[in-house]
Amino acid sequence: MAGKGKLNEDGITLLRRLCAEVRSRHPGVILSAEESTNFKWVTDRPAENGTERHQAEIRDLGFHLKWNMGFAYDALSYFGADPEERPQLDTFGWKRLAWYLAYAFNERWVLPFSHDNMQPKSLLDQMAPNKRVGVEGQFAQLRLLFLYMVGMPGRPLMFMGSEIGEGFSLAQPVDWELAAVDPDKQQLRSWVAKLMKLYRQLKCLHRQEDRADGFHWLDKDSSSRCVYAWKRLAKDEPEAIIVVNASMTHVSPYYINSGDTSGAWKCVAATALGDCVTTPRSARVVMGRAKFATELPPMAAQIWVPCECEEAVDEAALLNFEVLHQEAQPGDELRLVGNCPELGNWVVSEGVIMETDADTFPFWHTSMRIPLDVRNLEFKMVAVSAAGEETWEPLRFNRSVSIIPGVVQRVSIEFGEV
């Protein structure tokens, strides 16, 4: 009842003691609260200069994390509105997507798109329908929403099925099989995988999630054109710039104020209406002007990092595969599929085609780079006949190999044999 000026002192005492006892007896356990009232404060954290918490005498409940319900509902209401109405949307006088930063450092936040946000409609169905672009536009907006979540200070949380645009129902499971043959859903899944990989690799996206000096606005949509840009920072780590164009307008050129008067920047993730761009681009800062230009198609989002950070983003392990398949026929293909985008996320048509010739048959070969965030690679071989028939390896369990950084690994197997 905190929002109505009433406090349950017995309940507060109980929760404080509960958190203290769990922390004392079970170090390492994480206590997370889903809390939707105006109670202050739920999580333990040092006060940040300039924040509301810094100005008050605080005794918190002792939780480690708190779900940010307002973040989720504000973001969904923004992307659920017609793009033409978005320039007028605000929350307490702030531009709708910028409002979160008014209180972002008062608690230790989880940014949740949970089961509550996926019923009765999926996240995809809550994106604003547009007569000109239809479902394609909804997928584009959902990609923007996920980048906004990953790019803001806080810990991203998603519920199963949201990475392929599915909803949540107690009566019906997520239709993973149908999603596997839907190009739009697979494109969305690959985009989510890319974002999660970058969230782990770029330390500026997760090391200072609770500190005001880990975030800096570059553009709070001051011109009401639904373009936002900000920096994420971490001590002694390369920074990242995130840009979101949530409009149907093509913005070109769009100048990004990098804050540096020299150097070069590389785009490591980009999405736009109708496509999920995977080819990175680079731009050099205009000398003396501390800015560089990019192009923002409708419903576009980009993540930029300094070029010296590129190697850290592209860290990968090299694997050499050799497969013996004696029953293959001329015209057959042998494909490698597995649990990462590089192996098609188990989609045969997107798996790696292995190579053979008259000199090496019946041995098939391929070499590939696997990101280091894939600690345990699971995979199988699939034989595809000239007629398109697929034959998976008849193994009860998936094959697996542990990724070892800095080591070139060789994987030698026989089709269908352990």
Protein backbone atom coordinates (compact mmCIF):
# COMPACT_ATOMS: atom_id res chain seq x y z
CA MET A 1 0.00 0.00 0.00
CA ALA A 2 3.02 2.29 -0.28
CA GLY A 3 1.45 4.09 -3.23
CA LYS A 4 -1.43 5.13 -0.96
CA GLY A 5 0.77 6.34 1.85
CA LYS A 6 0.36 3.23 4.02
CA LEU A 7 3.12 0.87 5.11
CA ASN A 8 2.83 -2.60 6.58
CA GLU A 9 5.62 -2.38 9.14
CA ASP A 10 5.34 -6.05 10.12
CA GLY A 11 5.69 -7.08 6.46
CA ILE A 12 8.70 -4.79 6.00
CA THR A 13 10.38 -6.23 9.08
CA LEU A 14 9.72 -9.79 7.88
CA LEU A 15 11.20 -9.15 4.42
CA ARG A 16 14.29 -7.42 5.82
CA ARG A 17 14.93 -10.33 8.17
CA LEU A 18 14.25 -12.89 5.43
CA CYS A 19 16.76 -11.25 3.08
CA ALA A 20 19.36 -10.91 5.83
CA GLU A 21 19.03 -14.55 6.86
CA VAL A 22 19.20 -15.90 3.29
CA ARG A 23 22.25 -13.76 2.51
CA SER A 24 23.97 -14.96 5.70
CA ARG A 25 23.18 -18.66 5.37
CA HIS A 26 23.30 -19.05 1.57
CA PRO A 27 25.88 -16.68 0.04
CA GLY A 28 25.59 -16.73 -3.73
CA VAL A 29 21.80 -17.04 -3.79
CA ILE A 30 20.16 -14.15 -5.69
CA LEU A 31 17.03 -12.55 -4.22
CA SER A 32 14.87 -10.88 -6.87
CA ALA A 33 11.59 -9.04 -6.23
CA GLU A 34 8.70 -8.39 -8.58
CA GLU A 35 7.28 -5.25 -7.00
CA SER A 36 4.85 -2.82 -8.60
CA THR A 37 4.10 -0.26 -5.87
CA ASN A 38 5.96 2.93 -5.00
CA PHE A 39 7.77 1.39 -2.03
CA LYS A 40 11.29 2.75 -1.57
CA TRP A 41 13.69 0.97 -1.46
CA VAL A 42 13.72 -2.71 -2.36
CA THR A 43 17.34 -3.45 -3.31
CA ASP A 44 20.59 -2.77 -1.52
CA ARG A 45 22.92 -0.50 -3.43
CA PRO A 46 25.09 2.55 -2.76
CA ALA A 47 23.50 5.91 -3.44
CA GLU A 48 24.44 7.64 -6.71
CA ASN A 49 25.10 11.36 -6.71
CA GLY A 50 22.18 13.29 -8.14
CA THR A 51 19.66 10.46 -7.68
CA GLU A 52 16.60 10.49 -5.44
CA ARG A 53 18.20 7.80 -3.30
CA HIS A 54 21.20 10.03 -2.61
CA GLN A 55 18.93 12.69 -1.13
CA ALA A 56 17.12 10.48 1.39
CA GLU A 57 17.85 8.43 4.47
CA ILE A 58 17.55 4.87 3.14
CA ARG A 59 17.03 1.52 4.77
CA ASP A 60 16.21 -0.96 2.03
CA LEU A 61 14.63 -4.42 2.17
CA GLY A 62 17.84 -6.20 1.17
CA PHE A 63 16.95 -7.80 -2.18
CA HIS A 64 19.66 -8.07 -4.82
CA LEU A 65 17.43 -7.22 -7.80
CA LYS A 66 14.03 -5.74 -8.58
CA TRP A 67 11.91 -6.22 -11.70
CA ASN A 68 11.24 -2.91 -13.44
CA MET A 69 7.59 -3.24 -14.38
CA GLY A 70 7.34 0.39 -15.50
CA PHE A 71 10.16 -0.05 -18.00
CA ALA A 72 8.35 -2.92 -19.70
CA TYR A 73 4.95 -1.24 -19.83
CA ASP A 74 6.34 2.10 -21.06
CA ALA A 75 8.34 0.40 -23.81
CA LEU A 76 5.37 -1.73 -24.94
CA SER A 77 3.03 1.26 -24.95
CA TYR A 78 5.54 3.17 -27.10
CA PHE A 79 6.09 0.44 -29.66
CA GLY A 80 2.39 -0.40 -29.59
CA ALA A 81 1.48 3.13 -30.67
CA ASP A 82 1.25 4.16 -34.31
CA PRO A 83 4.63 5.54 -35.43
CA GLU A 84 2.96 8.83 -36.38
CA GLU A 85 1.75 9.28 -32.79
CA ARG A 86 5.08 8.50 -31.10
CA PRO A 87 6.56 12.03 -31.26
CA GLN A 88 3.79 13.19 -28.90
CA LEU A 89 4.17 10.35 -26.38
CA ASP A 90 5.74 11.18 -23.04
CA THR A 91 5.75 10.06 -19.42
CA PHE A 92 5.73 12.76 -16.73
CA GLY A 93 7.02 15.23 -19.29
CA TRP A 94 9.86 13.02 -20.55
CA LYS A 95 10.02 11.44 -23.98
CA ARG A 96 8.58 7.98 -23.43
CA LEU A 97 11.76 5.94 -24.04
CA ALA A 98 13.92 8.44 -22.13
CA TRP A 99 11.83 8.43 -18.93
CA TYR A 100 13.49 5.28 -17.57
CA LEU A 101 16.75 7.18 -17.05
CA ALA A 102 15.02 9.52 -14.57
CA TYR A 103 15.05 6.70 -12.00
CA ALA A 104 17.38 4.08 -13.52
CA PHE A 105 19.97 4.29 -10.73
CA ASN A 106 17.69 4.21 -7.68
CA GLU A 107 17.55 0.40 -7.62
CA ARG A 108 19.34 -2.61 -9.07
CA TRP A 109 16.99 -3.34 -11.95
CA VAL A 110 15.95 -6.30 -14.06
CA LEU A 111 14.39 -5.17 -17.36
CA PRO A 112 11.69 -7.82 -17.82
CA PHE A 113 9.56 -8.86 -20.74
CA SER A 114 8.01 -11.72 -18.81
CA HIS A 115 5.02 -14.05 -19.05
CA ASP A 116 2.86 -11.15 -17.81
CA ASN A 117 3.75 -9.15 -20.92
CA MET A 118 3.04 -12.04 -23.31
CA GLN A 119 -0.61 -12.73 -22.63
CA PRO A 120 -3.17 -12.57 -24.05
CA LYS A 121 -0.99 -11.23 -26.90
CA SER A 122 2.60 -12.05 -27.78
CA LEU A 123 5.18 -9.25 -27.84
CA LEU A 124 5.07 -9.44 -31.63
CA ASP A 125 1.30 -8.90 -31.72
CA GLN A 126 1.68 -5.90 -29.40
CA MET A 127 3.90 -4.07 -31.86
CA ALA A 128 2.02 -1.37 -33.76
CA PRO A 129 0.44 -2.79 -36.94
CA ASN A 130 1.09 -0.63 -39.96
CA LYS A 131 -0.94 -0.85 -43.16
CA ARG A 132 2.11 -0.21 -45.29
CA VAL A 133 4.44 -2.83 -43.82
CA GLY A 134 2.19 -5.28 -41.93
CA VAL A 135 3.83 -8.19 -40.11
CA GLU A 136 7.22 -7.25 -41.53
CA GLY A 137 6.97 -3.94 -39.67
CA GLN A 138 6.00 -5.68 -36.44
CA PHE A 139 9.07 -7.91 -36.60
CA ALA A 140 11.23 -4.82 -37.26
CA GLN A 141 9.78 -3.05 -34.20
CA LEU A 142 10.29 -6.10 -32.00
CA ARG A 143 13.97 -6.16 -33.00
CA LEU A 144 14.16 -2.50 -31.94
CA LEU A 145 12.49 -3.29 -28.63
CA PHE A 146 15.01 -6.02 -27.81
CA LEU A 147 17.96 -3.76 -28.68
CA TYR A 148 16.49 -1.02 -26.46
CA MET A 149 16.29 -3.56 -23.60
CA VAL A 150 19.87 -4.79 -24.06
CA GLY A 151 21.25 -1.27 -24.56
CA MET A 152 19.74 0.30 -21.44
CA PRO A 153 21.27 -0.04 -17.92
CA GLY A 154 19.80 -3.13 -16.27
CA ARG A 155 19.70 -6.87 -16.73
CA PRO A 156 17.65 -8.10 -19.71
CA LEU A 157 15.05 -10.79 -19.06
CA MET A 158 12.99 -12.58 -21.71
CA PHE A 159 10.37 -15.29 -21.48
CA MET A 160 10.50 -18.44 -23.61
CA GLY A 161 9.12 -18.00 -27.10
CA SER A 162 9.60 -14.24 -27.26
CA GLU A 163 12.83 -14.71 -29.24
CA ILE A 164 10.76 -16.16 -32.10
CA GLY A 165 7.75 -13.89 -31.69
CA GLU A 166 5.54 -16.47 -29.97
CA GLY A 167 3.21 -15.80 -27.03
CA PHE A 168 2.61 -17.64 -23.77
CA SER A 169 -0.30 -19.94 -23.04
CA LEU A 170 -0.86 -22.56 -20.36
CA ALA A 171 -3.01 -24.51 -22.80
CA GLN A 172 -0.64 -24.60 -25.77
CA PRO A 173 3.17 -25.01 -25.91
CA VAL A 174 5.45 -22.85 -28.01
CA ASP A 175 5.46 -24.18 -31.59
CA TRP A 176 9.21 -24.50 -32.08
CA GLU A 177 8.79 -26.78 -35.12
CA LEU A 178 6.72 -24.20 -37.02
CA ALA A 179 9.13 -21.43 -36.07
CA ALA A 180 12.03 -23.46 -37.48
CA VAL A 181 10.63 -23.11 -41.02
CA ASP A 182 9.49 -19.47 -40.69
CA PRO A 183 12.19 -17.11 -42.07
CA ASP A 184 10.89 -14.10 -40.09
CA LYS A 185 10.99 -15.99 -36.79
CA GLN A 186 14.44 -17.37 -37.49
CA GLN A 187 15.67 -13.89 -38.41
CA LEU A 188 14.35 -12.60 -35.08
CA ARG A 189 15.98 -15.48 -33.22
CA SER A 190 19.34 -14.80 -34.86
CA TRP A 191 19.04 -11.11 -33.93
CA VAL A 192 18.36 -11.98 -30.27
CA ALA A 193 21.33 -14.37 -30.27
CA LYS A 194 23.54 -11.61 -31.67
CA LEU A 195 22.35 -9.12 -29.04
CA MET A 196 22.96 -11.56 -26.19
CA LYS A 197 26.43 -12.31 -27.52
CA LEU A 198 27.27 -8.60 -27.65
CA TYR A 199 25.79 -8.03 -24.19
CA ARG A 200 28.30 -10.53 -22.80
CA GLN A 201 31.27 -9.49 -24.91
CA LEU A 202 30.98 -5.69 -24.60
CA LYS A 203 31.77 -5.08 -20.95
CA CYS A 204 30.38 -1.54 -21.12
CA LEU A 205 26.90 -3.08 -21.53
CA HIS A 206 26.96 -4.95 -18.21
CA ARG A 207 29.72 -3.83 -15.86
CA GLN A 208 28.16 -0.55 -14.69
CA GLU A 209 24.46 -1.25 -14.98
CA ASP A 210 23.74 0.44 -11.64
CA ARG A 211 25.99 3.49 -12.00
CA ALA A 212 25.07 6.82 -13.53
CA ASP A 213 28.56 7.18 -15.01
CA GLY A 214 27.89 4.08 -17.12
CA PHE A 215 25.34 5.92 -19.28
CA HIS A 216 25.39 9.14 -21.28
CA TRP A 217 22.65 10.54 -23.52
CA LEU A 218 23.65 11.70 -26.99
CA ASP A 219 20.14 12.33 -28.32
CA LYS A 220 16.97 12.16 -26.17
CA ASP A 221 14.72 12.74 -29.20
CA SER A 222 14.89 16.49 -28.67
CA SER A 223 13.65 17.06 -32.21
CA SER A 224 10.63 14.73 -31.78
CA ARG A 225 11.65 12.57 -34.71
CA CYS A 226 11.77 9.37 -32.62
CA VAL A 227 15.54 9.00 -32.84
CA TYR A 228 17.46 8.14 -29.68
CA ALA A 229 21.21 7.76 -29.21
CA TRP A 230 23.28 7.06 -26.10
CA LYS A 231 26.62 5.81 -24.88
CA ARG A 232 27.31 2.92 -22.53
CA LEU A 233 30.56 3.12 -20.59
CA ALA A 234 32.63 1.09 -18.13
CA LYS A 235 35.88 1.95 -16.40
CA ASP A 236 38.97 1.06 -18.47
CA GLU A 237 36.81 -0.57 -21.18
CA PRO A 238 35.88 0.51 -24.73
CA GLU A 239 32.52 2.28 -24.87
CA ALA A 240 29.59 1.60 -27.20
CA ILE A 241 27.13 3.90 -28.95
CA ILE A 242 23.55 2.75 -29.51
CA VAL A 243 21.19 4.43 -31.99
CA VAL A 244 17.46 3.76 -32.45
CA ASN A 245 15.20 5.17 -35.15
CA ALA A 246 11.64 4.26 -34.10
CA SER A 247 9.98 6.09 -36.98
CA MET A 248 8.96 5.30 -40.55
CA THR A 249 11.21 8.13 -41.78
CA HIS A 250 14.56 7.53 -43.48
CA VAL A 251 17.10 9.68 -41.62
CA SER A 252 20.24 10.36 -43.66
CA PRO A 253 22.72 11.55 -42.77
CA TYR A 254 22.41 11.17 -39.01
CA TYR A 255 25.36 12.65 -37.14
CA ILE A 256 26.54 10.89 -33.98
CA ASN A 257 28.55 12.96 -31.52
CA SER A 258 31.13 10.43 -30.39
CA GLY A 259 32.90 12.79 -27.98
CA ASP A 260 36.26 11.92 -29.56
CA THR A 261 38.01 14.15 -32.06
CA SER A 262 39.81 11.31 -33.85
CA GLY A 263 39.60 7.61 -34.44
CA ALA A 264 37.24 5.25 -36.20
CA TRP A 265 34.04 3.44 -35.23
CA LYS A 266 32.62 0.15 -36.41
CA CYS A 267 28.97 -0.95 -36.53
CA VAL A 268 28.81 -4.44 -34.99
CA ALA A 269 25.02 -4.90 -35.11
CA ALA A 270 22.36 -3.31 -37.29
CA THR A 271 18.72 -3.94 -38.05
CA ALA A 272 16.14 -2.14 -40.17
CA LEU A 273 12.67 -2.55 -41.63
CA GLY A 274 12.55 -5.63 -43.84
CA ASP A 275 16.02 -6.87 -43.06
CA CYS A 276 18.36 -7.82 -40.26
CA VAL A 277 21.64 -6.35 -41.46
CA THR A 278 24.62 -8.49 -40.51
CA THR A 279 27.39 -6.83 -42.54
CA PRO A 280 29.27 -4.45 -40.21
CA ARG A 281 30.08 -0.98 -41.44
CA SER A 282 32.72 1.48 -40.29
CA ALA A 283 32.93 5.26 -40.09
CA ARG A 284 35.74 7.66 -39.27
CA VAL A 285 35.24 10.63 -36.97
CA VAL A 286 35.47 13.96 -38.81
CA MET A 287 38.65 15.49 -37.47
CA GLY A 288 38.01 18.30 -35.02
CA ARG A 289 34.24 17.82 -35.01
CA ALA A 290 33.96 14.77 -32.72
CA LYS A 291 31.18 13.28 -34.82
CA PHE A 292 30.57 10.78 -37.59
CA ALA A 293 27.63 10.15 -39.91
CA THR A 294 25.46 7.11 -40.42
CA GLU A 295 22.29 6.24 -42.31
CA LEU A 296 19.13 5.28 -40.42
CA PRO A 297 16.46 3.52 -42.51
CA PRO A 298 12.94 3.25 -41.06
CA MET A 299 12.78 1.16 -37.87
CA ALA A 300 16.58 0.97 -37.71
CA ALA A 301 18.90 0.32 -34.78
CA GLN A 302 22.68 0.12 -34.60
CA ILE A 303 25.47 -0.61 -32.09
CA TRP A 304 28.83 1.10 -32.73
CA VAL A 305 32.16 0.38 -31.04
CA PRO A 306 35.65 1.86 -31.51
CA CYS A 307 37.54 -0.06 -34.17
CA GLU A 308 40.20 -1.11 -31.65
CA CYS A 309 37.41 -3.01 -29.88
CA GLU A 310 36.64 -5.09 -32.98
CA GLU A 311 38.93 -7.98 -32.07
CA ALA A 312 37.23 -8.45 -28.70
CA VAL A 313 33.82 -8.53 -30.38
CA ASP A 314 34.95 -11.03 -32.99
CA GLU A 315 36.71 -13.44 -30.61
CA ALA A 316 36.15 -16.96 -31.82
CA ALA A 317 37.62 -20.46 -31.70
CA LEU A 318 38.65 -22.32 -34.86
CA LEU A 319 37.27 -25.85 -35.35
CA ASN A 320 38.23 -28.24 -38.17
CA PHE A 321 35.66 -30.94 -38.88
CA GLU A 322 36.34 -34.25 -40.69
CA VAL A 323 33.43 -36.64 -41.18
CA LEU A 324 33.44 -40.13 -42.69
CA HIS A 325 30.13 -40.97 -44.42
CA GLN A 326 30.52 -44.13 -46.51
CA GLU A 327 26.85 -44.47 -47.53
CA ALA A 328 26.64 -41.11 -49.28
CA GLN A 329 25.69 -41.09 -52.96
CA PRO A 330 26.79 -38.75 -55.77
CA GLY A 331 24.78 -35.53 -55.54
CA ASP A 332 24.21 -35.85 -51.78
CA GLU A 333 25.09 -33.07 -49.37
CA LEU A 334 26.35 -33.39 -45.82
CA ARG A 335 25.32 -30.55 -43.50
CA LEU A 336 26.51 -29.62 -40.04
CA VAL A 337 23.79 -28.19 -37.76
CA GLY A 338 23.93 -27.18 -34.10
CA ASN A 339 23.04 -24.90 -31.23
CA CYS A 340 24.38 -21.56 -32.48
CA PRO A 341 23.65 -19.19 -35.38
CA GLU A 342 26.87 -20.27 -37.10
CA LEU A 343 25.36 -23.78 -37.38
CA GLY A 344 21.88 -22.56 -38.26
CA ASN A 345 20.33 -23.06 -34.80
CA TRP A 346 19.41 -26.63 -35.85
CA VAL A 347 17.74 -25.47 -39.10
CA VAL A 348 19.06 -27.78 -41.82
CA SER A 349 18.70 -25.26 -44.65
CA GLU A 350 20.90 -22.81 -42.70
CA GLY A 351 23.50 -25.36 -41.57
CA VAL A 352 27.07 -25.54 -42.86
CA ILE A 353 27.54 -27.51 -46.10
CA MET A 354 30.62 -29.71 -45.82
CA GLU A 355 32.98 -30.22 -48.74
CA THR A 356 34.25 -33.36 -50.48
CA ASP A 357 35.66 -34.27 -53.90
CA ALA A 358 36.86 -37.29 -55.87
CA ASP A 359 40.16 -37.34 -54.00
CA THR A 360 38.78 -37.10 -50.46
CA PHE A 361 35.39 -38.91 -50.73
CA PRO A 362 33.95 -40.45 -48.50
CA PHE A 363 35.59 -37.95 -46.12
CA TRP A 364 33.92 -34.54 -45.77
CA HIS A 365 35.60 -31.44 -44.38
CA THR A 366 34.87 -27.93 -43.17
CA SER A 367 36.50 -25.30 -40.96
CA MET A 368 34.62 -22.68 -39.04
CA ARG A 369 34.91 -20.07 -36.31
CA ILE A 370 32.72 -20.52 -33.22
CA PRO A 371 32.19 -17.56 -30.81
CA LEU A 372 33.78 -18.06 -27.42
CA ASP A 373 30.46 -17.43 -25.67
CA VAL A 374 29.41 -20.87 -26.96
CA ARG A 375 31.08 -22.84 -24.18
CA ASN A 376 29.68 -26.23 -25.22
CA LEU A 377 28.91 -26.75 -28.90
CA GLU A 378 26.15 -29.28 -29.59
CA PHE A 379 25.82 -30.55 -33.16
CA LYS A 380 24.79 -33.33 -35.50
CA MET A 381 25.28 -34.25 -39.16
CA VAL A 382 22.41 -34.35 -41.63
CA ALA A 383 22.65 -36.07 -45.03
CA VAL A 384 20.55 -34.37 -47.71
CA SER A 385 19.88 -36.40 -50.85
CA ALA A 386 19.73 -34.96 -54.37
CA ALA A 387 15.93 -35.19 -54.04
CA GLY A 388 15.99 -33.08 -50.85
CA GLU A 389 15.33 -35.90 -48.36
CA GLU A 390 16.97 -35.32 -44.98
CA THR A 391 18.56 -38.09 -42.91
CA TRP A 392 19.72 -37.10 -39.44
CA GLU A 393 22.35 -39.05 -37.59
CA PRO A 394 20.51 -41.80 -35.66
CA LEU A 395 22.13 -40.88 -32.36
CA ARG A 396 20.11 -40.69 -29.17
CA PHE A 397 22.02 -37.65 -27.89
CA ASN A 398 23.55 -34.67 -29.66
CA ARG A 399 27.27 -34.65 -30.28
CA SER A 400 29.15 -32.06 -28.25
CA VAL A 401 32.56 -30.45 -28.00
CA SER A 402 33.86 -28.04 -25.36
CA ILE A 403 35.25 -24.83 -26.86
CA ILE A 404 38.82 -24.09 -25.75
CA PRO A 405 39.96 -20.46 -26.31
CA GLY A 406 43.20 -20.06 -28.24
CA VAL A 407 43.30 -23.69 -29.43
CA VAL A 408 42.62 -24.95 -32.96
CA GLN A 409 40.45 -28.00 -32.39
CA ARG A 410 39.99 -30.96 -34.72
CA VAL A 411 36.76 -32.95 -34.66
CA SER A 412 36.90 -36.32 -36.43
CA ILE A 413 33.72 -38.45 -36.50
CA GLU A 414 31.93 -41.11 -38.49
CA PHE A 415 28.36 -40.44 -39.59
CA GLY A 416 25.96 -42.16 -37.20
CA GLU A 417 28.70 -43.70 -35.04
CA VAL A 418 29.75 -42.48 -31.59
